[in-house]
Amino acid sequence: MSPKEKAAFLVQYFEQHMPNAQTELHYSNPYELLVAVMLSAQCTDKRVNQVTPAFFRAFPDVHALARASFDEVFPYIKSISYPNSKAKHLIAAAQQIVAQHHGEIPTDVVSLMQLPGVGRKTANVLTAVLYNQPNMPVDTHVFRVSHRLGLVPASANTPLKVEQKLVKLFPPEKVHKAHHWLILHGRYVCLARKPKCDICGLKEICRYYARLQRSFSPKHRG
């Protein structure tokens, strides 16, 4: 089965079993999602969701955050990974949004990536989640699952290469959904150390599972 055929199988499966997949970060507007995604780098969504309610009460919009000092922001995010750099980036990004974008969160990847602390993955998340743009953020889950399934070749050995392969496999209107499907599948089923192959609905197209089956067959054990 070709990667394109596998992608079609994946879409069909998740449209049936997870039609309304969405980010697990809690937010109510673009500003809040920007903050949450920036905080989530190398940190769990669960931890971020524990921190952001108090953060948003203290800094309810981009203007409030732009006026804040490091010493004001840091206590709210000290339990997050890399709080020093994230506090600085959050304030600097807010200041730039106020100065260059009239307080409005940019809606395109290029403009978002010009903000301090915003890389390609963060920009892709924002545009995919907020505006359903056909962008594919590649985190560790997407990277792992796409390789295990055989959606991308082993030569796609960087997040950017995986992203470039994946966006070509899915219909444009499905790319933002495929992002959520791959992340959630990696988070709850296709785990890094002990994937739950017994409950996985994608075994039929999975290269990793096929290799496991071959390794356990009498022919290969002999």
C-alpha atoms as a PDB file:
ATOM      1  CA  MET A   1       0.000   0.000   0.000  1.00  0.00           C
ATOM      2  CA  SER A   2       1.407   3.385  -1.003  1.00  0.00           C
ATOM      3  CA  PRO A   3       1.732   6.298   1.452  1.00  0.00           C
ATOM      4  CA  LYS A   4      -1.103   8.049  -0.392  1.00  0.00           C
ATOM      5  CA  GLU A   5      -3.340   5.017   0.053  1.00  0.00           C
ATOM      6  CA  LYS A   6      -2.376   4.797   3.707  1.00  0.00           C
ATOM      7  CA  ALA A   7      -3.294   8.446   4.182  1.00  0.00           C
ATOM      8  CA  ALA A   8      -6.698   7.812   2.606  1.00  0.00           C
ATOM      9  CA  PHE A   9      -7.225   4.837   4.943  1.00  0.00           C
ATOM     10  CA  LEU A  10      -6.253   6.997   7.922  1.00  0.00           C
ATOM     11  CA  VAL A  11      -8.707   9.744   6.948  1.00  0.00           C
ATOM     12  CA  GLN A  12     -11.530   7.245   6.523  1.00  0.00           C
ATOM     13  CA  TYR A  13     -10.767   5.591   9.866  1.00  0.00           C
ATOM     14  CA  PHE A  14     -10.561   8.776  11.907  1.00  0.00           C
ATOM     15  CA  GLU A  15     -13.511  10.456  10.207  1.00  0.00           C
ATOM     16  CA  GLN A  16     -15.490   7.552  11.625  1.00  0.00           C
ATOM     17  CA  HIS A  17     -13.820   7.177  15.014  1.00  0.00           C
ATOM     18  CA  MET A  18     -12.551  10.689  15.848  1.00  0.00           C
ATOM     19  CA  PRO A  19     -14.418  13.149  13.595  1.00  0.00           C
ATOM     20  CA  ASN A  20     -14.090  16.144  15.920  1.00  0.00           C
ATOM     21  CA  ALA A  21     -10.448  15.906  16.923  1.00  0.00           C
ATOM     22  CA  GLN A  22      -9.017  19.149  18.260  1.00  0.00           C
ATOM     23  CA  THR A  23      -6.207  20.510  20.390  1.00  0.00           C
ATOM     24  CA  GLU A  24      -6.225  19.602  24.068  1.00  0.00           C
ATOM     25  CA  LEU A  25      -4.908  23.030  25.030  1.00  0.00           C
ATOM     26  CA  HIS A  26      -7.541  25.247  26.634  1.00  0.00           C
ATOM     27  CA  TYR A  27      -8.080  28.638  25.018  1.00  0.00           C
ATOM     28  CA  SER A  28     -10.874  31.019  24.063  1.00  0.00           C
ATOM     29  CA  ASN A  29      -9.195  33.346  21.539  1.00  0.00           C
ATOM     30  CA  PRO A  30      -6.068  33.573  19.332  1.00  0.00           C
ATOM     31  CA  TYR A  31      -4.052  35.370  22.015  1.00  0.00           C
ATOM     32  CA  GLU A  32      -4.700  32.616  24.548  1.00  0.00           C
ATOM     33  CA  LEU A  33      -3.806  29.900  22.061  1.00  0.00           C
ATOM     34  CA  LEU A  34      -0.548  31.660  21.170  1.00  0.00           C
ATOM     35  CA  VAL A  35       0.432  31.783  24.832  1.00  0.00           C
ATOM     36  CA  ALA A  36      -0.589  28.173  25.427  1.00  0.00           C
ATOM     37  CA  VAL A  37       1.311  26.843  22.411  1.00  0.00           C
ATOM     38  CA  MET A  38       4.429  28.818  23.301  1.00  0.00           C
ATOM     39  CA  LEU A  39       4.281  27.409  26.826  1.00  0.00           C
ATOM     40  CA  SER A  40       3.694  23.864  25.561  1.00  0.00           C
ATOM     41  CA  ALA A  41       7.102  23.510  23.917  1.00  0.00           C
ATOM     42  CA  GLN A  42       8.738  20.500  25.590  1.00  0.00           C
ATOM     43  CA  CYS A  43       5.961  20.507  28.164  1.00  0.00           C
ATOM     44  CA  THR A  44       2.689  18.582  28.452  1.00  0.00           C
ATOM     45  CA  ASP A  45      -0.649  20.104  27.522  1.00  0.00           C
ATOM     46  CA  LYS A  46      -1.945  19.003  30.923  1.00  0.00           C
ATOM     47  CA  ARG A  47       0.645  21.096  32.742  1.00  0.00           C
ATOM     48  CA  VAL A  48       0.019  24.095  30.489  1.00  0.00           C
ATOM     49  CA  ASN A  49      -3.727  23.884  31.147  1.00  0.00           C
ATOM     50  CA  GLN A  50      -3.030  23.973  34.876  1.00  0.00           C
ATOM     51  CA  VAL A  51      -1.045  27.184  34.534  1.00  0.00           C
ATOM     52  CA  THR A  52      -2.932  29.246  31.967  1.00  0.00           C
ATOM     53  CA  PRO A  53      -6.149  30.101  33.887  1.00  0.00           C
ATOM     54  CA  ALA A  54      -4.256  32.190  36.448  1.00  0.00           C
ATOM     55  CA  PHE A  55      -1.973  33.550  33.718  1.00  0.00           C
ATOM     56  CA  PHE A  56      -4.930  34.772  31.658  1.00  0.00           C
ATOM     57  CA  ARG A  57      -6.542  36.380  34.698  1.00  0.00           C
ATOM     58  CA  ALA A  58      -3.331  38.319  35.308  1.00  0.00           C
ATOM     59  CA  PHE A  59      -2.683  39.101  31.636  1.00  0.00           C
ATOM     60  CA  PRO A  60      -6.085  38.960  29.887  1.00  0.00           C
ATOM     61  CA  ASP A  61      -4.924  40.230  26.510  1.00  0.00           C
ATOM     62  CA  VAL A  62      -1.833  40.933  24.445  1.00  0.00           C
ATOM     63  CA  HIS A  63      -1.718  44.570  25.617  1.00  0.00           C
ATOM     64  CA  ALA A  64      -1.593  43.528  29.275  1.00  0.00           C
ATOM     65  CA  LEU A  65       1.179  41.045  28.551  1.00  0.00           C
ATOM     66  CA  ALA A  66       3.131  43.621  26.534  1.00  0.00           C
ATOM     67  CA  ARG A  67       3.138  45.958  29.567  1.00  0.00           C
ATOM     68  CA  ALA A  68       4.245  43.221  31.977  1.00  0.00           C
ATOM     69  CA  SER A  69       7.725  42.759  33.383  1.00  0.00           C
ATOM     70  CA  PHE A  70       9.698  39.541  33.597  1.00  0.00           C
ATOM     71  CA  ASP A  71       9.265  39.492  37.373  1.00  0.00           C
ATOM     72  CA  GLU A  72       5.498  39.743  36.960  1.00  0.00           C
ATOM     73  CA  VAL A  73       5.223  36.963  34.372  1.00  0.00           C
ATOM     74  CA  PHE A  74       7.716  34.431  35.731  1.00  0.00           C
ATOM     75  CA  PRO A  75       5.808  33.353  38.886  1.00  0.00           C
ATOM     76  CA  TYR A  76       2.825  32.260  36.784  1.00  0.00           C
ATOM     77  CA  ILE A  77       4.876  29.920  34.576  1.00  0.00           C
ATOM     78  CA  LYS A  78       7.675  28.787  36.899  1.00  0.00           C
ATOM     79  CA  SER A  79       6.364  25.195  36.880  1.00  0.00           C
ATOM     80  CA  ILE A  80       6.612  25.084  33.069  1.00  0.00           C
ATOM     81  CA  SER A  81       9.763  23.857  31.347  1.00  0.00           C
ATOM     82  CA  TYR A  82      12.267  26.635  30.513  1.00  0.00           C
ATOM     83  CA  PRO A  83      10.289  29.363  32.320  1.00  0.00           C
ATOM     84  CA  ASN A  84      13.041  31.994  32.055  1.00  0.00           C
ATOM     85  CA  SER A  85      13.263  32.000  28.274  1.00  0.00           C
ATOM     86  CA  LYS A  86       9.521  31.518  27.823  1.00  0.00           C
ATOM     87  CA  ALA A  87       8.709  34.506  30.043  1.00  0.00           C
ATOM     88  CA  LYS A  88      11.058  36.688  28.004  1.00  0.00           C
ATOM     89  CA  HIS A  89       9.678  35.404  24.701  1.00  0.00           C
ATOM     90  CA  LEU A  90       6.045  35.866  25.749  1.00  0.00           C
ATOM     91  CA  ILE A  91       6.611  39.497  26.692  1.00  0.00           C
ATOM     92  CA  ALA A  92       8.703  40.261  23.613  1.00  0.00           C
ATOM     93  CA  ALA A  93       6.189  38.589  21.292  1.00  0.00           C
ATOM     94  CA  ALA A  94       3.329  40.553  22.853  1.00  0.00           C
ATOM     95  CA  GLN A  95       5.256  43.806  22.483  1.00  0.00           C
ATOM     96  CA  GLN A  96       5.958  43.066  18.825  1.00  0.00           C
ATOM     97  CA  ILE A  97       2.308  42.180  18.156  1.00  0.00           C
ATOM     98  CA  VAL A  98       1.202  45.484  19.672  1.00  0.00           C
ATOM     99  CA  ALA A  99       3.862  47.514  17.853  1.00  0.00           C
ATOM    100  CA  GLN A 100       3.699  45.863  14.425  1.00  0.00           C
ATOM    101  CA  HIS A 101       0.275  44.206  14.201  1.00  0.00           C
ATOM    102  CA  HIS A 102      -2.013  46.624  16.090  1.00  0.00           C
ATOM    103  CA  GLY A 103      -2.511  44.056  18.835  1.00  0.00           C
ATOM    104  CA  GLU A 104      -3.866  41.399  16.465  1.00  0.00           C
ATOM    105  CA  ILE A 105      -2.299  37.931  16.329  1.00  0.00           C
ATOM    106  CA  PRO A 106      -0.891  37.357  12.803  1.00  0.00           C
ATOM    107  CA  THR A 107      -2.768  34.825  10.707  1.00  0.00           C
ATOM    108  CA  ASP A 108       0.043  33.519   8.486  1.00  0.00           C
ATOM    109  CA  VAL A 109       3.035  31.325   9.196  1.00  0.00           C
ATOM    110  CA  VAL A 110       5.683  33.762   7.950  1.00  0.00           C
ATOM    111  CA  SER A 111       4.500  36.645  10.143  1.00  0.00           C
ATOM    112  CA  LEU A 112       4.093  34.397  13.172  1.00  0.00           C
ATOM    113  CA  MET A 113       7.619  33.036  12.792  1.00  0.00           C
ATOM    114  CA  GLN A 114       8.974  36.564  13.059  1.00  0.00           C
ATOM    115  CA  LEU A 115       7.710  36.774  16.631  1.00  0.00           C
ATOM    116  CA  PRO A 116      10.233  36.024  19.408  1.00  0.00           C
ATOM    117  CA  GLY A 117       9.948  32.456  20.606  1.00  0.00           C
ATOM    118  CA  VAL A 118       7.702  31.347  17.746  1.00  0.00           C
ATOM    119  CA  GLY A 119       9.140  28.634  15.531  1.00  0.00           C
ATOM    120  CA  ARG A 120       7.676  26.831  12.564  1.00  0.00           C
ATOM    121  CA  LYS A 121       5.812  24.236  14.641  1.00  0.00           C
ATOM    122  CA  THR A 122       4.109  26.877  16.787  1.00  0.00           C
ATOM    123  CA  ALA A 123       3.164  28.915  13.725  1.00  0.00           C
ATOM    124  CA  ASN A 124       1.755  25.827  12.031  1.00  0.00           C
ATOM    125  CA  VAL A 125      -0.275  24.927  15.121  1.00  0.00           C
ATOM    126  CA  LEU A 126      -1.837  28.384  15.328  1.00  0.00           C
ATOM    127  CA  THR A 127      -2.776  28.596  11.662  1.00  0.00           C
ATOM    128  CA  ALA A 128      -4.058  25.014  11.550  1.00  0.00           C
ATOM    129  CA  VAL A 129      -6.098  25.230  14.758  1.00  0.00           C
ATOM    130  CA  LEU A 130      -7.441  28.770  14.439  1.00  0.00           C
ATOM    131  CA  TYR A 131      -7.971  29.039  10.693  1.00  0.00           C
ATOM    132  CA  ASN A 132      -7.977  25.443   9.405  1.00  0.00           C
ATOM    133  CA  GLN A 133      -5.086  26.286   7.096  1.00  0.00           C
ATOM    134  CA  PRO A 134      -3.495  23.219   5.440  1.00  0.00           C
ATOM    135  CA  ASN A 135      -0.417  23.286   7.660  1.00  0.00           C
ATOM    136  CA  MET A 136       1.098  20.290   9.443  1.00  0.00           C
ATOM    137  CA  PRO A 137       2.861  20.922  12.765  1.00  0.00           C
ATOM    138  CA  VAL A 138       5.300  18.082  13.435  1.00  0.00           C
ATOM    139  CA  ASP A 139       5.942  17.264  17.074  1.00  0.00           C
ATOM    140  CA  THR A 140       7.431  14.076  18.487  1.00  0.00           C
ATOM    141  CA  HIS A 141       4.100  12.233  18.181  1.00  0.00           C
ATOM    142  CA  VAL A 142       3.521  13.157  14.539  1.00  0.00           C
ATOM    143  CA  PHE A 143       7.149  12.340  13.719  1.00  0.00           C
ATOM    144  CA  ARG A 144       6.962   8.917  15.376  1.00  0.00           C
ATOM    145  CA  VAL A 145       3.534   7.870  14.110  1.00  0.00           C
ATOM    146  CA  SER A 146       4.105   8.946  10.523  1.00  0.00           C
ATOM    147  CA  HIS A 147       7.302   6.888  10.377  1.00  0.00           C
ATOM    148  CA  ARG A 148       5.805   3.843  12.082  1.00  0.00           C
ATOM    149  CA  LEU A 149       2.811   3.798   9.772  1.00  0.00           C
ATOM    150  CA  GLY A 150       5.013   4.238   6.723  1.00  0.00           C
ATOM    151  CA  LEU A 151       3.452   7.533   5.672  1.00  0.00           C
ATOM    152  CA  VAL A 152       6.950   8.946   5.271  1.00  0.00           C
ATOM    153  CA  PRO A 153      10.257   7.264   4.374  1.00  0.00           C
ATOM    154  CA  ALA A 154      13.184   6.873   6.742  1.00  0.00           C
ATOM    155  CA  SER A 155      14.982   9.577   4.757  1.00  0.00           C
ATOM    156  CA  ALA A 156      12.449  12.097   6.112  1.00  0.00           C
ATOM    157  CA  ASN A 157      14.625  12.497   9.178  1.00  0.00           C
ATOM    158  CA  THR A 158      13.749  16.042  10.265  1.00  0.00           C
ATOM    159  CA  PRO A 159      10.424  17.639  11.268  1.00  0.00           C
ATOM    160  CA  LEU A 160      10.504  19.841   8.172  1.00  0.00           C
ATOM    161  CA  LYS A 161      10.997  16.870   5.835  1.00  0.00           C
ATOM    162  CA  VAL A 162       8.148  15.010   7.533  1.00  0.00           C
ATOM    163  CA  GLU A 163       5.923  18.077   7.250  1.00  0.00           C
ATOM    164  CA  GLN A 164       6.681  18.451   3.544  1.00  0.00           C
ATOM    165  CA  LYS A 165       5.830  14.793   2.907  1.00  0.00           C
ATOM    166  CA  LEU A 166       2.637  14.763   4.959  1.00  0.00           C
ATOM    167  CA  VAL A 167       1.021  17.869   3.476  1.00  0.00           C
ATOM    168  CA  LYS A 168       1.226  16.228   0.053  1.00  0.00           C
ATOM    169  CA  LEU A 169      -0.495  13.043   1.220  1.00  0.00           C
ATOM    170  CA  PHE A 170      -3.730  14.502   2.571  1.00  0.00           C
ATOM    171  CA  PRO A 171      -6.400  16.565   0.814  1.00  0.00           C
ATOM    172  CA  PRO A 172      -5.814  20.244   1.730  1.00  0.00           C
ATOM    173  CA  GLU A 173      -9.078  20.431   3.657  1.00  0.00           C
ATOM    174  CA  LYS A 174      -8.020  17.445   5.795  1.00  0.00           C
ATOM    175  CA  VAL A 175      -4.451  18.464   6.663  1.00  0.00           C
ATOM    176  CA  HIS A 176      -5.357  20.399   9.820  1.00  0.00           C
ATOM    177  CA  LYS A 177      -7.462  17.448  11.024  1.00  0.00           C
ATOM    178  CA  ALA A 178      -4.743  14.931  10.181  1.00  0.00           C
ATOM    179  CA  HIS A 179      -2.435  16.907  12.459  1.00  0.00           C
ATOM    180  CA  HIS A 180      -4.755  16.281  15.420  1.00  0.00           C
ATOM    181  CA  TRP A 181      -5.348  12.655  14.489  1.00  0.00           C
ATOM    182  CA  LEU A 182      -1.640  11.861  14.358  1.00  0.00           C
ATOM    183  CA  ILE A 183      -0.892  13.674  17.619  1.00  0.00           C
ATOM    184  CA  LEU A 184      -3.737  12.081  19.568  1.00  0.00           C
ATOM    185  CA  HIS A 185      -3.001   8.638  18.135  1.00  0.00           C
ATOM    186  CA  GLY A 186       0.621   9.008  19.229  1.00  0.00           C
ATOM    187  CA  ARG A 187      -0.346  10.333  22.639  1.00  0.00           C
ATOM    188  CA  TYR A 188      -2.835   7.609  23.556  1.00  0.00           C
ATOM    189  CA  VAL A 189      -2.283   4.569  21.299  1.00  0.00           C
ATOM    190  CA  CYS A 190       1.014   4.573  19.415  1.00  0.00           C
ATOM    191  CA  LEU A 191       3.113   5.255  22.499  1.00  0.00           C
ATOM    192  CA  ALA A 192       6.860   5.689  22.171  1.00  0.00           C
ATOM    193  CA  ARG A 193       7.961   2.784  24.377  1.00  0.00           C
ATOM    194  CA  LYS A 194       4.985   0.431  24.422  1.00  0.00           C
ATOM    195  CA  PRO A 195       2.598   1.074  21.543  1.00  0.00           C
ATOM    196  CA  LYS A 196      -0.869  -0.360  22.143  1.00  0.00           C
ATOM    197  CA  CYS A 197      -0.997  -2.354  18.923  1.00  0.00           C
ATOM    198  CA  ASP A 198      -3.747  -4.581  20.323  1.00  0.00           C
ATOM    199  CA  ILE A 199      -6.269  -1.710  20.296  1.00  0.00           C
ATOM    200  CA  CYS A 200      -4.947   0.127  17.238  1.00  0.00           C
ATOM    201  CA  GLY A 201      -7.302   0.506  14.309  1.00  0.00           C
ATOM    202  CA  LEU A 202      -4.467   1.265  11.929  1.00  0.00           C
ATOM    203  CA  LYS A 203      -2.663  -2.090  12.143  1.00  0.00           C
ATOM    204  CA  GLU A 204      -3.702  -2.897   8.596  1.00  0.00           C
ATOM    205  CA  ILE A 205      -1.554  -0.085   7.184  1.00  0.00           C
ATOM    206  CA  CYS A 206       1.208  -0.007   9.800  1.00  0.00           C
ATOM    207  CA  ARG A 207       4.753  -0.769   8.720  1.00  0.00           C
ATOM    208  CA  TYR A 208       5.918  -1.080  12.330  1.00  0.00           C
ATOM    209  CA  TYR A 209       3.212  -3.647  13.161  1.00  0.00           C
ATOM    210  CA  ALA A 210       3.977  -5.628  10.014  1.00  0.00           C
ATOM    211  CA  ARG A 211       7.619  -5.860  11.068  1.00  0.00           C
ATOM    212  CA  LEU A 212       6.583  -7.011  14.540  1.00  0.00           C
ATOM    213  CA  GLN A 213       4.445  -9.759  13.046  1.00  0.00           C
ATOM    214  CA  ARG A 214       7.280 -10.935  10.815  1.00  0.00           C
ATOM    215  CA  SER A 215       9.705 -11.013  13.736  1.00  0.00           C
ATOM    216  CA  PHE A 216       7.345 -13.224  15.758  1.00  0.00           C
ATOM    217  CA  SER A 217       6.570 -15.630  12.923  1.00  0.00           C
ATOM    218  CA  PRO A 218       8.074 -19.174  13.183  1.00  0.00           C
ATOM    219  CA  LYS A 219       9.835 -18.674   9.859  1.00  0.00           C
ATOM    220  CA  HIS A 220      11.785 -15.691  11.094  1.00  0.00           C
ATOM    221  CA  ARG A 221      12.423 -17.134  14.546  1.00  0.00           C
ATOM    222  CA  GLY A 222      13.854 -20.273  12.969  1.00  0.00           C
END
